Full PDB file with SEQRES, HELIX, SHEET, SSBOND, CRYST1, ORIGX, SCALE, CONECT and MASTER records, all heavy atoms in Angstrom:
SEQRES   1 A   41  ALA HIS ALA ILE LEU ASP LYS ALA ALA ASP ALA GLY VAL          
SEQRES   2 A   41  THR PHE ILE ASP THR ALA ASP VAL TYR PRO LEU GLY GLY          
SEQRES   3 A   41  SER GLU ASP ILE ALA GLY ARG THR GLU GLU ILE VAL GLY          
SEQRES   4 A   41  ARG TRP                                                      
HELIX    1 AA1 HIS A    2  ASP A   10  1                                   9    
HELIX    2 AA2 GLU A   28  ILE A   30  5                                   3    
HELIX    3 AA3 ARG A   33  ARG A   40  1                                   8    
CRYST1    1.000    1.000    1.000  90.00  90.00  90.00 P 1           1          
ORIGX1      1.000000  0.000000  0.000000        0.00000                         
ORIGX2      0.000000  1.000000  0.000000        0.00000                         
ORIGX3      0.000000  0.000000  1.000000        0.00000                         
SCALE1      1.000000  0.000000  0.000000        0.00000                         
SCALE2      0.000000  1.000000  0.000000        0.00000                         
SCALE3      0.000000  0.000000  1.000000        0.00000                         
ATOM      1  N   ALA A   1      98.577 106.259  94.820  1.00  0.00           N  
ATOM      2  CA  ALA A   1      98.724 106.489  93.373  1.00  0.00           C  
ATOM      3  C   ALA A   1      99.397 107.799  93.092  1.00  0.00           C  
ATOM      4  O   ALA A   1     100.311 107.837  92.211  1.00  0.00           O  
ATOM      5  CB  ALA A   1      97.373 106.462  92.756  1.00  0.00           C  
ATOM      6  N   HIS A   2      99.064 108.824  93.821  1.00  0.00           N  
ATOM      7  CA  HIS A   2      99.676 110.106  93.585  1.00  0.00           C  
ATOM      8  C   HIS A   2     101.204 110.070  94.029  1.00  0.00           C  
ATOM      9  O   HIS A   2     102.046 110.718  93.432  1.00  0.00           O  
ATOM     10  CB  HIS A   2      98.959 111.208  94.351  1.00  0.00           C  
ATOM     11  CG  HIS A   2      97.666 111.581  93.712  1.00  0.00           C  
ATOM     12  ND1 HIS A   2      96.851 112.620  94.110  1.00  0.00           N  
ATOM     13  CD2 HIS A   2      97.041 111.042  92.569  1.00  0.00           C  
ATOM     14  CE1 HIS A   2      95.823 112.716  93.351  1.00  0.00           C  
ATOM     15  NE2 HIS A   2      95.875 111.721  92.425  1.00  0.00           N  
ATOM     16  N   ALA A   3     101.500 109.302  95.031  1.00  0.00           N  
ATOM     17  CA  ALA A   3     102.883 109.164  95.443  1.00  0.00           C  
ATOM     18  C   ALA A   3     103.672 108.442  94.370  1.00  0.00           C  
ATOM     19  O   ALA A   3     104.902 108.783  94.081  1.00  0.00           O  
ATOM     20  CB  ALA A   3     102.988 108.358  96.777  1.00  0.00           C  
ATOM     21  N   ILE A   4     103.038 107.459  93.703  1.00  0.00           N  
ATOM     22  CA  ILE A   4     103.693 106.779  92.600  1.00  0.00           C  
ATOM     23  C   ILE A   4     103.977 107.751  91.435  1.00  0.00           C  
ATOM     24  O   ILE A   4     105.068 107.762  90.853  1.00  0.00           O  
ATOM     25  CB  ILE A   4     102.859 105.586  92.098  1.00  0.00           C  
ATOM     26  CG1 ILE A   4     102.798 104.477  93.226  1.00  0.00           C  
ATOM     27  CG2 ILE A   4     103.337 105.018  90.817  1.00  0.00           C  
ATOM     28  CD1 ILE A   4     101.712 103.414  92.985  1.00  0.00           C  
ATOM     29  N   LEU A   5     102.959 108.509  91.099  1.00  0.00           N  
ATOM     30  CA  LEU A   5     103.107 109.523  90.070  1.00  0.00           C  
ATOM     31  C   LEU A   5     104.196 110.552  90.381  1.00  0.00           C  
ATOM     32  O   LEU A   5     105.016 110.875  89.529  1.00  0.00           O  
ATOM     33  CB  LEU A   5     101.749 110.169  89.811  1.00  0.00           C  
ATOM     34  CG  LEU A   5     100.719 109.387  89.043  1.00  0.00           C  
ATOM     35  CD1 LEU A   5      99.320 109.925  89.350  1.00  0.00           C  
ATOM     36  CD2 LEU A   5     101.000 109.402  87.533  1.00  0.00           C  
ATOM     37  N   ASP A   6     104.226 110.953  91.634  1.00  0.00           N  
ATOM     38  CA  ASP A   6     105.222 111.916  92.040  1.00  0.00           C  
ATOM     39  C   ASP A   6     106.676 111.350  91.874  1.00  0.00           C  
ATOM     40  O   ASP A   6     107.555 111.995  91.366  1.00  0.00           O  
ATOM     41  CB  ASP A   6     105.074 112.313  93.557  1.00  0.00           C  
ATOM     42  CG  ASP A   6     103.861 113.176  93.761  1.00  0.00           C  
ATOM     43  OD1 ASP A   6     103.415 113.838  92.775  1.00  0.00           O  
ATOM     44  OD2 ASP A   6     103.410 113.270  94.915  1.00  0.00           O  
ATOM     45  N   LYS A   7     106.814 110.072  92.292  1.00  0.00           N  
ATOM     46  CA  LYS A   7     108.151 109.487  92.206  1.00  0.00           C  
ATOM     47  C   LYS A   7     108.613 109.320  90.741  1.00  0.00           C  
ATOM     48  O   LYS A   7     109.722 109.543  90.437  1.00  0.00           O  
ATOM     49  CB  LYS A   7     108.171 108.137  92.920  1.00  0.00           C  
ATOM     50  CG  LYS A   7     109.549 107.468  92.934  1.00  0.00           C  
ATOM     51  CD  LYS A   7     109.671 106.391  94.038  1.00  0.00           C  
ATOM     52  CE  LYS A   7     111.101 105.910  94.083  1.00  0.00           C  
ATOM     53  NZ  LYS A   7     111.344 104.974  95.251  1.00  0.00           N  
ATOM     54  N   ALA A   8     107.678 108.861  89.937  1.00  0.00           N  
ATOM     55  CA  ALA A   8     108.055 108.752  88.457  1.00  0.00           C  
ATOM     56  C   ALA A   8     108.384 110.049  87.865  1.00  0.00           C  
ATOM     57  O   ALA A   8     109.329 110.169  87.106  1.00  0.00           O  
ATOM     58  CB  ALA A   8     106.820 108.060  87.753  1.00  0.00           C  
ATOM     59  N   ALA A   9     107.564 111.065  88.153  1.00  0.00           N  
ATOM     60  CA  ALA A   9     107.821 112.444  87.582  1.00  0.00           C  
ATOM     61  C   ALA A   9     109.141 112.974  88.096  1.00  0.00           C  
ATOM     62  O   ALA A   9     109.899 113.578  87.273  1.00  0.00           O  
ATOM     63  CB  ALA A   9     106.682 113.343  88.016  1.00  0.00           C  
ATOM     64  N   ASP A  10     109.457 112.734  89.346  1.00  0.00           N  
ATOM     65  CA  ASP A  10     110.760 113.255  89.874  1.00  0.00           C  
ATOM     66  C   ASP A  10     111.901 112.595  89.193  1.00  0.00           C  
ATOM     67  O   ASP A  10     113.021 113.165  89.075  1.00  0.00           O  
ATOM     68  CB  ASP A  10     110.832 112.984  91.369  1.00  0.00           C  
ATOM     69  CG  ASP A  10     109.889 113.916  92.188  1.00  0.00           C  
ATOM     70  OD1 ASP A  10     109.406 114.897  91.612  1.00  0.00           O  
ATOM     71  OD2 ASP A  10     109.650 113.554  93.383  1.00  0.00           O  
ATOM     72  N   ALA A  11     111.719 111.364  88.665  1.00  0.00           N  
ATOM     73  CA  ALA A  11     112.782 110.645  87.976  1.00  0.00           C  
ATOM     74  C   ALA A  11     112.872 111.007  86.443  1.00  0.00           C  
ATOM     75  O   ALA A  11     113.728 110.500  85.754  1.00  0.00           O  
ATOM     76  CB  ALA A  11     112.575 109.153  88.125  1.00  0.00           C  
ATOM     77  N   GLY A  12     111.971 111.897  86.040  1.00  0.00           N  
ATOM     78  CA  GLY A  12     111.973 112.292  84.607  1.00  0.00           C  
ATOM     79  C   GLY A  12     111.027 111.554  83.736  1.00  0.00           C  
ATOM     80  O   GLY A  12     111.030 111.791  82.483  1.00  0.00           O  
ATOM     81  N   VAL A  13     110.108 110.727  84.285  1.00  0.00           N  
ATOM     82  CA  VAL A  13     109.101 110.089  83.433  1.00  0.00           C  
ATOM     83  C   VAL A  13     108.062 111.144  83.025  1.00  0.00           C  
ATOM     84  O   VAL A  13     107.555 111.859  83.906  1.00  0.00           O  
ATOM     85  CB  VAL A  13     108.451 108.970  84.202  1.00  0.00           C  
ATOM     86  CG1 VAL A  13     107.229 108.382  83.419  1.00  0.00           C  
ATOM     87  CG2 VAL A  13     109.403 107.858  84.541  1.00  0.00           C  
ATOM     88  N   THR A  14     107.892 111.262  81.727  1.00  0.00           N  
ATOM     89  CA  THR A  14     106.973 112.257  81.202  1.00  0.00           C  
ATOM     90  C   THR A  14     105.815 111.587  80.420  1.00  0.00           C  
ATOM     91  O   THR A  14     104.927 112.262  79.867  1.00  0.00           O  
ATOM     92  CB  THR A  14     107.663 113.245  80.219  1.00  0.00           C  
ATOM     93  OG1 THR A  14     108.302 112.454  79.153  1.00  0.00           O  
ATOM     94  CG2 THR A  14     108.697 114.018  80.918  1.00  0.00           C  
ATOM     95  N   PHE A  15     105.716 110.253  80.474  1.00  0.00           N  
ATOM     96  CA  PHE A  15     104.790 109.566  79.667  1.00  0.00           C  
ATOM     97  C   PHE A  15     103.892 108.690  80.577  1.00  0.00           C  
ATOM     98  O   PHE A  15     104.368 107.927  81.415  1.00  0.00           O  
ATOM     99  CB  PHE A  15     105.500 108.616  78.718  1.00  0.00           C  
ATOM    100  CG  PHE A  15     104.786 108.006  77.564  1.00  0.00           C  
ATOM    101  CD1 PHE A  15     103.509 108.364  77.289  1.00  0.00           C  
ATOM    102  CD2 PHE A  15     105.411 107.004  76.783  1.00  0.00           C  
ATOM    103  CE1 PHE A  15     102.804 107.772  76.227  1.00  0.00           C  
ATOM    104  CE2 PHE A  15     104.710 106.440  75.742  1.00  0.00           C  
ATOM    105  CZ  PHE A  15     103.433 106.808  75.447  1.00  0.00           C  
ATOM    106  N   ILE A  16     102.581 108.898  80.563  1.00  0.00           N  
ATOM    107  CA  ILE A  16     101.650 108.230  81.410  1.00  0.00           C  
ATOM    108  C   ILE A  16     100.587 107.464  80.586  1.00  0.00           C  
ATOM    109  O   ILE A  16     100.010 108.042  79.705  1.00  0.00           O  
ATOM    110  CB  ILE A  16     100.921 109.230  82.389  1.00  0.00           C  
ATOM    111  CG1 ILE A  16     101.957 109.974  83.232  1.00  0.00           C  
ATOM    112  CG2 ILE A  16      99.920 108.496  83.254  1.00  0.00           C  
ATOM    113  CD1 ILE A  16     101.353 111.139  83.997  1.00  0.00           C  
ATOM    114  N   ASP A  17     100.381 106.201  80.885  1.00  0.00           N  
ATOM    115  CA  ASP A  17      99.409 105.394  80.150  1.00  0.00           C  
ATOM    116  C   ASP A  17      98.341 104.941  81.074  1.00  0.00           C  
ATOM    117  O   ASP A  17      98.520 104.415  82.209  1.00  0.00           O  
ATOM    118  CB  ASP A  17     100.104 104.191  79.530  1.00  0.00           C  
ATOM    119  CG  ASP A  17      99.121 103.324  78.793  1.00  0.00           C  
ATOM    120  OD1 ASP A  17      98.764 103.755  77.650  1.00  0.00           O  
ATOM    121  OD2 ASP A  17      98.834 102.212  79.238  1.00  0.00           O  
ATOM    122  N   THR A  18      97.071 105.076  80.586  1.00  0.00           N  
ATOM    123  CA  THR A  18      95.918 104.601  81.418  1.00  0.00           C  
ATOM    124  C   THR A  18      94.865 104.005  80.442  1.00  0.00           C  
ATOM    125  O   THR A  18      95.203 103.796  79.274  1.00  0.00           O  
ATOM    126  CB  THR A  18      95.320 105.753  82.241  1.00  0.00           C  
ATOM    127  OG1 THR A  18      94.407 105.225  83.136  1.00  0.00           O  
ATOM    128  CG2 THR A  18      94.765 106.899  81.389  1.00  0.00           C  
ATOM    129  N   ALA A  19      93.667 103.771  80.932  1.00  0.00           N  
ATOM    130  CA  ALA A  19      92.610 103.215  80.094  1.00  0.00           C  
ATOM    131  C   ALA A  19      91.266 103.461  80.758  1.00  0.00           C  
ATOM    132  O   ALA A  19      91.193 103.558  81.999  1.00  0.00           O  
ATOM    133  CB  ALA A  19      92.792 101.693  79.840  1.00  0.00           C  
ATOM    134  N   ASP A  20      90.216 103.532  79.979  1.00  0.00           N  
ATOM    135  CA  ASP A  20      88.890 103.800  80.532  1.00  0.00           C  
ATOM    136  C   ASP A  20      88.311 102.642  81.369  1.00  0.00           C  
ATOM    137  O   ASP A  20      87.394 102.854  82.135  1.00  0.00           O  
ATOM    138  CB  ASP A  20      87.912 104.258  79.494  1.00  0.00           C  
ATOM    139  CG  ASP A  20      87.600 103.211  78.387  1.00  0.00           C  
ATOM    140  OD1 ASP A  20      88.209 102.098  78.482  1.00  0.00           O  
ATOM    141  OD2 ASP A  20      86.872 103.525  77.477  1.00  0.00           O  
ATOM    142  N   VAL A  21      88.850 101.398  81.208  1.00  0.00           N  
ATOM    143  CA  VAL A  21      88.329 100.262  82.014  1.00  0.00           C  
ATOM    144  C   VAL A  21      89.078 100.123  83.323  1.00  0.00           C  
ATOM    145  O   VAL A  21      88.663  99.277  84.141  1.00  0.00           O  
ATOM    146  CB  VAL A  21      88.448  98.981  81.188  1.00  0.00           C  
ATOM    147  CG1 VAL A  21      87.508  98.988  80.025  1.00  0.00           C  
ATOM    148  CG2 VAL A  21      89.860  98.678  80.853  1.00  0.00           C  
ATOM    149  N   TYR A  22      90.176 100.842  83.528  1.00  0.00           N  
ATOM    150  CA  TYR A  22      90.951 100.633  84.755  1.00  0.00           C  
ATOM    151  C   TYR A  22      90.212 101.257  85.944  1.00  0.00           C  
ATOM    152  O   TYR A  22      89.431 102.165  85.773  1.00  0.00           O  
ATOM    153  CB  TYR A  22      92.306 101.383  84.598  1.00  0.00           C  
ATOM    154  CG  TYR A  22      93.270 100.706  83.631  1.00  0.00           C  
ATOM    155  CD1 TYR A  22      94.419 101.400  83.160  1.00  0.00           C  
ATOM    156  CD2 TYR A  22      93.038  99.417  83.126  1.00  0.00           C  
ATOM    157  CE1 TYR A  22      95.290 100.857  82.272  1.00  0.00           C  
ATOM    158  CE2 TYR A  22      93.967  98.886  82.220  1.00  0.00           C  
ATOM    159  CZ  TYR A  22      95.017  99.615  81.805  1.00  0.00           C  
ATOM    160  OH  TYR A  22      95.940  99.054  80.961  1.00  0.00           O  
ATOM    161  N   PRO A  23      90.427 100.636  87.116  1.00  0.00           N  
ATOM    162  CA  PRO A  23      91.513  99.846  87.550  1.00  0.00           C  
ATOM    163  C   PRO A  23      91.410  98.367  87.140  1.00  0.00           C  
ATOM    164  O   PRO A  23      90.311  97.862  86.966  1.00  0.00           O  
ATOM    165  CB  PRO A  23      91.498  99.935  89.111  1.00  0.00           C  
ATOM    166  CG  PRO A  23      90.039 100.175  89.416  1.00  0.00           C  
ATOM    167  CD  PRO A  23      89.586 100.999  88.282  1.00  0.00           C  
ATOM    168  N   LEU A  24      92.593  97.697  87.053  1.00  0.00           N  
ATOM    169  CA  LEU A  24      92.600  96.306  86.740  1.00  0.00           C  
ATOM    170  C   LEU A  24      91.871  95.476  87.696  1.00  0.00           C  
ATOM    171  O   LEU A  24      91.990  95.661  88.908  1.00  0.00           O  
ATOM    172  CB  LEU A  24      94.152  95.834  86.757  1.00  0.00           C  
ATOM    173  CG  LEU A  24      94.320  94.374  86.545  1.00  0.00           C  
ATOM    174  CD1 LEU A  24      94.091  94.018  85.098  1.00  0.00           C  
ATOM    175  CD2 LEU A  24      95.775  93.957  86.909  1.00  0.00           C  
ATOM    176  N   GLY A  25      91.010  94.628  87.176  1.00  0.00           N  
ATOM    177  CA  GLY A  25      90.190  93.775  88.035  1.00  0.00           C  
ATOM    178  C   GLY A  25      88.947  94.415  88.552  1.00  0.00           C  
ATOM    179  O   GLY A  25      88.198  93.762  89.295  1.00  0.00           O  
ATOM    180  N   GLY A  26      88.721  95.670  88.227  1.00  0.00           N  
ATOM    181  CA  GLY A  26      87.583  96.406  88.726  1.00  0.00           C  
ATOM    182  C   GLY A  26      86.307  95.988  87.939  1.00  0.00           C  
ATOM    183  O   GLY A  26      86.351  95.419  86.865  1.00  0.00           O  
ATOM    184  N   SER A  27      85.137  96.341  88.427  1.00  0.00           N  
ATOM    185  CA  SER A  27      83.879  96.084  87.796  1.00  0.00           C  
ATOM    186  C   SER A  27      83.503  97.288  86.948  1.00  0.00           C  
ATOM    187  O   SER A  27      84.175  98.334  86.970  1.00  0.00           O  
ATOM    188  CB  SER A  27      82.784  95.900  88.864  1.00  0.00           C  
ATOM    189  OG  SER A  27      82.575  97.051  89.593  1.00  0.00           O  
ATOM    190  N   GLU A  28      82.393  97.122  86.162  1.00  0.00           N  
ATOM    191  CA  GLU A  28      81.960  98.163  85.360  1.00  0.00           C  
ATOM    192  C   GLU A  28      81.589  99.414  86.185  1.00  0.00           C  
ATOM    193  O   GLU A  28      81.702 100.548  85.772  1.00  0.00           O  
ATOM    194  CB  GLU A  28      80.748  97.739  84.534  1.00  0.00           C  
ATOM    195  CG  GLU A  28      81.051  96.706  83.483  1.00  0.00           C  
ATOM    196  CD  GLU A  28      79.803  96.142  82.853  1.00  0.00           C  
ATOM    197  OE1 GLU A  28      78.755  96.800  82.952  1.00  0.00           O  
ATOM    198  OE2 GLU A  28      79.819  95.024  82.314  1.00  0.00           O  
ATOM    199  N   ASP A  29      81.225  99.110  87.423  1.00  0.00           N  
ATOM    200  CA  ASP A  29      80.806 100.220  88.291  1.00  0.00           C  
ATOM    201  C   ASP A  29      81.908 101.169  88.645  1.00  0.00           C  
ATOM    202  O   ASP A  29      81.679 102.359  88.960  1.00  0.00           O  
ATOM    203  CB  ASP A  29      80.205  99.655  89.588  1.00  0.00           C  
ATOM    204  CG  ASP A  29      78.896  98.920  89.424  1.00  0.00           C  
ATOM    205  OD1 ASP A  29      78.262  99.129  88.353  1.00  0.00           O  
ATOM    206  OD2 ASP A  29      78.561  98.090  90.265  1.00  0.00           O  
ATOM    207  N   ILE A  30      83.106 100.694  88.633  1.00  0.00           N  
ATOM    208  CA  ILE A  30      84.274 101.561  89.003  1.00  0.00           C  
ATOM    209  C   ILE A  30      85.179 101.833  87.776  1.00  0.00           C  
ATOM    210  O   ILE A  30      86.246 102.456  87.949  1.00  0.00           O  
ATOM    211  CB  ILE A  30      85.088 101.045  90.163  1.00  0.00           C  
ATOM    212  CG1 ILE A  30      85.737  99.698  89.819  1.00  0.00           C  
ATOM    213  CG2 ILE A  30      84.200 100.875  91.385  1.00  0.00           C  
ATOM    214  CD1 ILE A  30      86.727  99.197  90.875  1.00  0.00           C  
ATOM    215  N   ALA A  31      84.773 101.391  86.588  1.00  0.00           N  
ATOM    216  CA  ALA A  31      85.543 101.676  85.395  1.00  0.00           C  
ATOM    217  C   ALA A  31      85.681 103.167  85.255  1.00  0.00           C  
ATOM    218  O   ALA A  31      84.700 103.911  85.373  1.00  0.00           O  
ATOM    219  CB  ALA A  31      84.889 101.069  84.197  1.00  0.00           C  
ATOM    220  N   GLY A  32      86.894 103.670  84.998  1.00  0.00           N  
ATOM    221  CA  GLY A  32      87.102 105.141  84.904  1.00  0.00           C  
ATOM    222  C   GLY A  32      87.687 105.781  86.151  1.00  0.00           C  
ATOM    223  O   GLY A  32      88.143 106.877  86.109  1.00  0.00           O  
ATOM    224  N   ARG A  33      87.691 105.005  87.244  1.00  0.00           N  
ATOM    225  CA  ARG A  33      88.257 105.543  88.479  1.00  0.00           C  
ATOM    226  C   ARG A  33      89.715 105.894  88.325  1.00  0.00           C  
ATOM    227  O   ARG A  33      90.190 106.941  88.866  1.00  0.00           O  
ATOM    228  CB  ARG A  33      88.055 104.531  89.626  1.00  0.00           C  
ATOM    229  CG  ARG A  33      88.550 105.029  90.988  1.00  0.00           C  
ATOM    230  CD  ARG A  33      88.487 103.933  92.031  1.00  0.00           C  
ATOM    231  NE  ARG A  33      87.083 103.700  92.372  1.00  0.00           N  
ATOM    232  CZ  ARG A  33      86.714 102.760  93.305  1.00  0.00           C  
ATOM    233  NH1 ARG A  33      87.605 101.995  93.829  1.00  0.00           N  
ATOM    234  NH2 ARG A  33      85.405 102.563  93.520  1.00  0.00           N  
ATOM    235  N   THR A  34      90.462 105.087  87.563  1.00  0.00           N  
ATOM    236  CA  THR A  34      91.883 105.382  87.417  1.00  0.00           C  
ATOM    237  C   THR A  34      92.109 106.696  86.661  1.00  0.00           C  
ATOM    238  O   THR A  34      92.965 107.477  87.036  1.00  0.00           O  
ATOM    239  CB  THR A  34      92.522 104.208  86.654  1.00  0.00           C  
ATOM    240  OG1 THR A  34      92.389 103.019  87.378  1.00  0.00           O  
ATOM    241  CG2 THR A  34      94.007 104.482  86.439  1.00  0.00           C  
ATOM    242  N   GLU A  35      91.297 106.878  85.586  1.00  0.00           N  
ATOM    243  CA  GLU A  35      91.402 108.118  84.854  1.00  0.00           C  
ATOM    244  C   GLU A  35      91.112 109.350  85.752  1.00  0.00           C  
ATOM    245  O   GLU A  35      91.800 110.393  85.663  1.00  0.00           O  
ATOM    246  CB  GLU A  35      90.574 108.120  83.649  1.00  0.00           C  
ATOM    247  CG  GLU A  35      90.994 107.230  82.503  1.00  0.00           C  
ATOM    248  CD  GLU A  35      90.058 107.302  81.304  1.00  0.00           C  
ATOM    249  OE1 GLU A  35      88.826 107.432  81.495  1.00  0.00           O  
ATOM    250  OE2 GLU A  35      90.595 107.165  80.173  1.00  0.00           O  
ATOM    251  N   GLU A  36      90.176 109.202  86.635  1.00  0.00           N  
ATOM    252  CA  GLU A  36      89.864 110.316  87.535  1.00  0.00           C  
ATOM    253  C   GLU A  36      91.000 110.596  88.534  1.00  0.00           C  
ATOM    254  O   GLU A  36      91.307 111.763  88.760  1.00  0.00           O  
ATOM    255  CB  GLU A  36      88.590 109.909  88.351  1.00  0.00           C  
ATOM    256  CG  GLU A  36      87.296 109.871  87.513  1.00  0.00           C  
ATOM    257  CD  GLU A  36      86.079 109.354  88.322  1.00  0.00           C  
ATOM    258  OE1 GLU A  36      86.355 108.826  89.402  1.00  0.00           O  
ATOM    259  OE2 GLU A  36      84.997 109.496  87.750  1.00  0.00           O  
ATOM    260  N   ILE A  37      91.630 109.536  89.014  1.00  0.00           N  
ATOM    261  CA  ILE A  37      92.826 109.745  89.920  1.00  0.00           C  
ATOM    262  C   ILE A  37      93.931 110.424  89.182  1.00  0.00           C  
ATOM    263  O   ILE A  37      94.579 111.331  89.703  1.00  0.00           O  
ATOM    264  CB  ILE A  37      93.228 108.367  90.503  1.00  0.00           C  
ATOM    265  CG1 ILE A  37      92.146 107.823  91.425  1.00  0.00           C  
ATOM    266  CG2 ILE A  37      94.579 108.456  91.153  1.00  0.00           C  
ATOM    267  CD1 ILE A  37      92.390 106.475  91.952  1.00  0.00           C  
ATOM    268  N   VAL A  38      94.188 109.964  87.967  1.00  0.00           N  
ATOM    269  CA  VAL A  38      95.290 110.592  87.164  1.00  0.00           C  
ATOM    270  C   VAL A  38      94.907 112.018  86.893  1.00  0.00           C  
ATOM    271  O   VAL A  38      95.780 112.905  86.942  1.00  0.00           O  
ATOM    272  CB  VAL A  38      95.548 109.784  85.878  1.00  0.00           C  
ATOM    273  CG1 VAL A  38      96.457 110.516  84.926  1.00  0.00           C  
ATOM    274  CG2 VAL A  38      96.040 108.345  86.206  1.00  0.00           C  
ATOM    275  N   GLY A  39      93.683 112.303  86.518  1.00  0.00           N  
ATOM    276  CA  GLY A  39      93.235 113.612  86.171  1.00  0.00           C  
ATOM    277  C   GLY A  39      93.406 114.610  87.265  1.00  0.00           C  
ATOM    278  O   GLY A  39      93.836 115.759  87.064  1.00  0.00           O  
ATOM    279  N   ARG A  40      93.109 114.193  88.535  1.00  0.00           N  
ATOM    280  CA  ARG A  40      93.267 115.061  89.661  1.00  0.00           C  
ATOM    281  C   ARG A  40      94.753 115.354  89.904  1.00  0.00           C  
ATOM    282  O   ARG A  40      95.110 116.456  90.316  1.00  0.00           O  
ATOM    283  CB  ARG A  40      92.611 114.484  90.928  1.00  0.00           C  
ATOM    284  CG  ARG A  40      91.086 114.568  90.900  1.00  0.00           C  
ATOM    285  CD  ARG A  40      90.461 114.154  92.196  1.00  0.00           C  
ATOM    286  NE  ARG A  40      90.387 112.673  92.405  1.00  0.00           N  
ATOM    287  CZ  ARG A  40      89.389 111.979  92.044  1.00  0.00           C  
ATOM    288  NH1 ARG A  40      88.374 112.478  91.379  1.00  0.00           N  
ATOM    289  NH2 ARG A  40      89.419 110.646  92.335  1.00  0.00           N  
ATOM    290  N   TRP A  41      95.623 114.370  89.683  1.00  0.00           N  
ATOM    291  CA  TRP A  41      97.042 114.597  89.823  1.00  0.00           C  
ATOM    292  C   TRP A  41      97.583 115.546  88.730  1.00  0.00           C  
ATOM    293  O   TRP A  41      98.492 116.348  89.020  1.00  0.00           O  
ATOM    294  CB  TRP A  41      97.815 113.297  89.735  1.00  0.00           C  
ATOM    295  CG  TRP A  41      99.309 113.439  90.071  1.00  0.00           C  
ATOM    296  CD1 TRP A  41      99.945 113.454  91.226  1.00  0.00           C  
ATOM    297  CD2 TRP A  41     100.319 113.502  89.010  1.00  0.00           C  
ATOM    298  NE1 TRP A  41     101.288 113.568  91.036  1.00  0.00           N  
ATOM    299  CE2 TRP A  41     101.514 113.606  89.706  1.00  0.00           C  
ATOM    300  CE3 TRP A  41     100.302 113.528  87.624  1.00  0.00           C  
ATOM    301  CZ2 TRP A  41     102.752 113.722  88.980  1.00  0.00           C  
ATOM    302  CZ3 TRP A  41     101.457 113.627  86.964  1.00  0.00           C  
ATOM    303  CH2 TRP A  41     102.673 113.731  87.609  1.00  0.00           C  
TER     304      TRP A  41                                                      
MASTER        0    0    0    3    0    0    0    6  303    1    0    4          
END                                                                             
């Protein structure tokens, strides 16, 4: 995920979209994991 963010940023992408229920297909137990990954990056 961080490699994806790096590549997008290097190309000039400045806009990032996420959601509190992500990752896609995840259960309630892991809802929010995506935001945590984005936050650390």
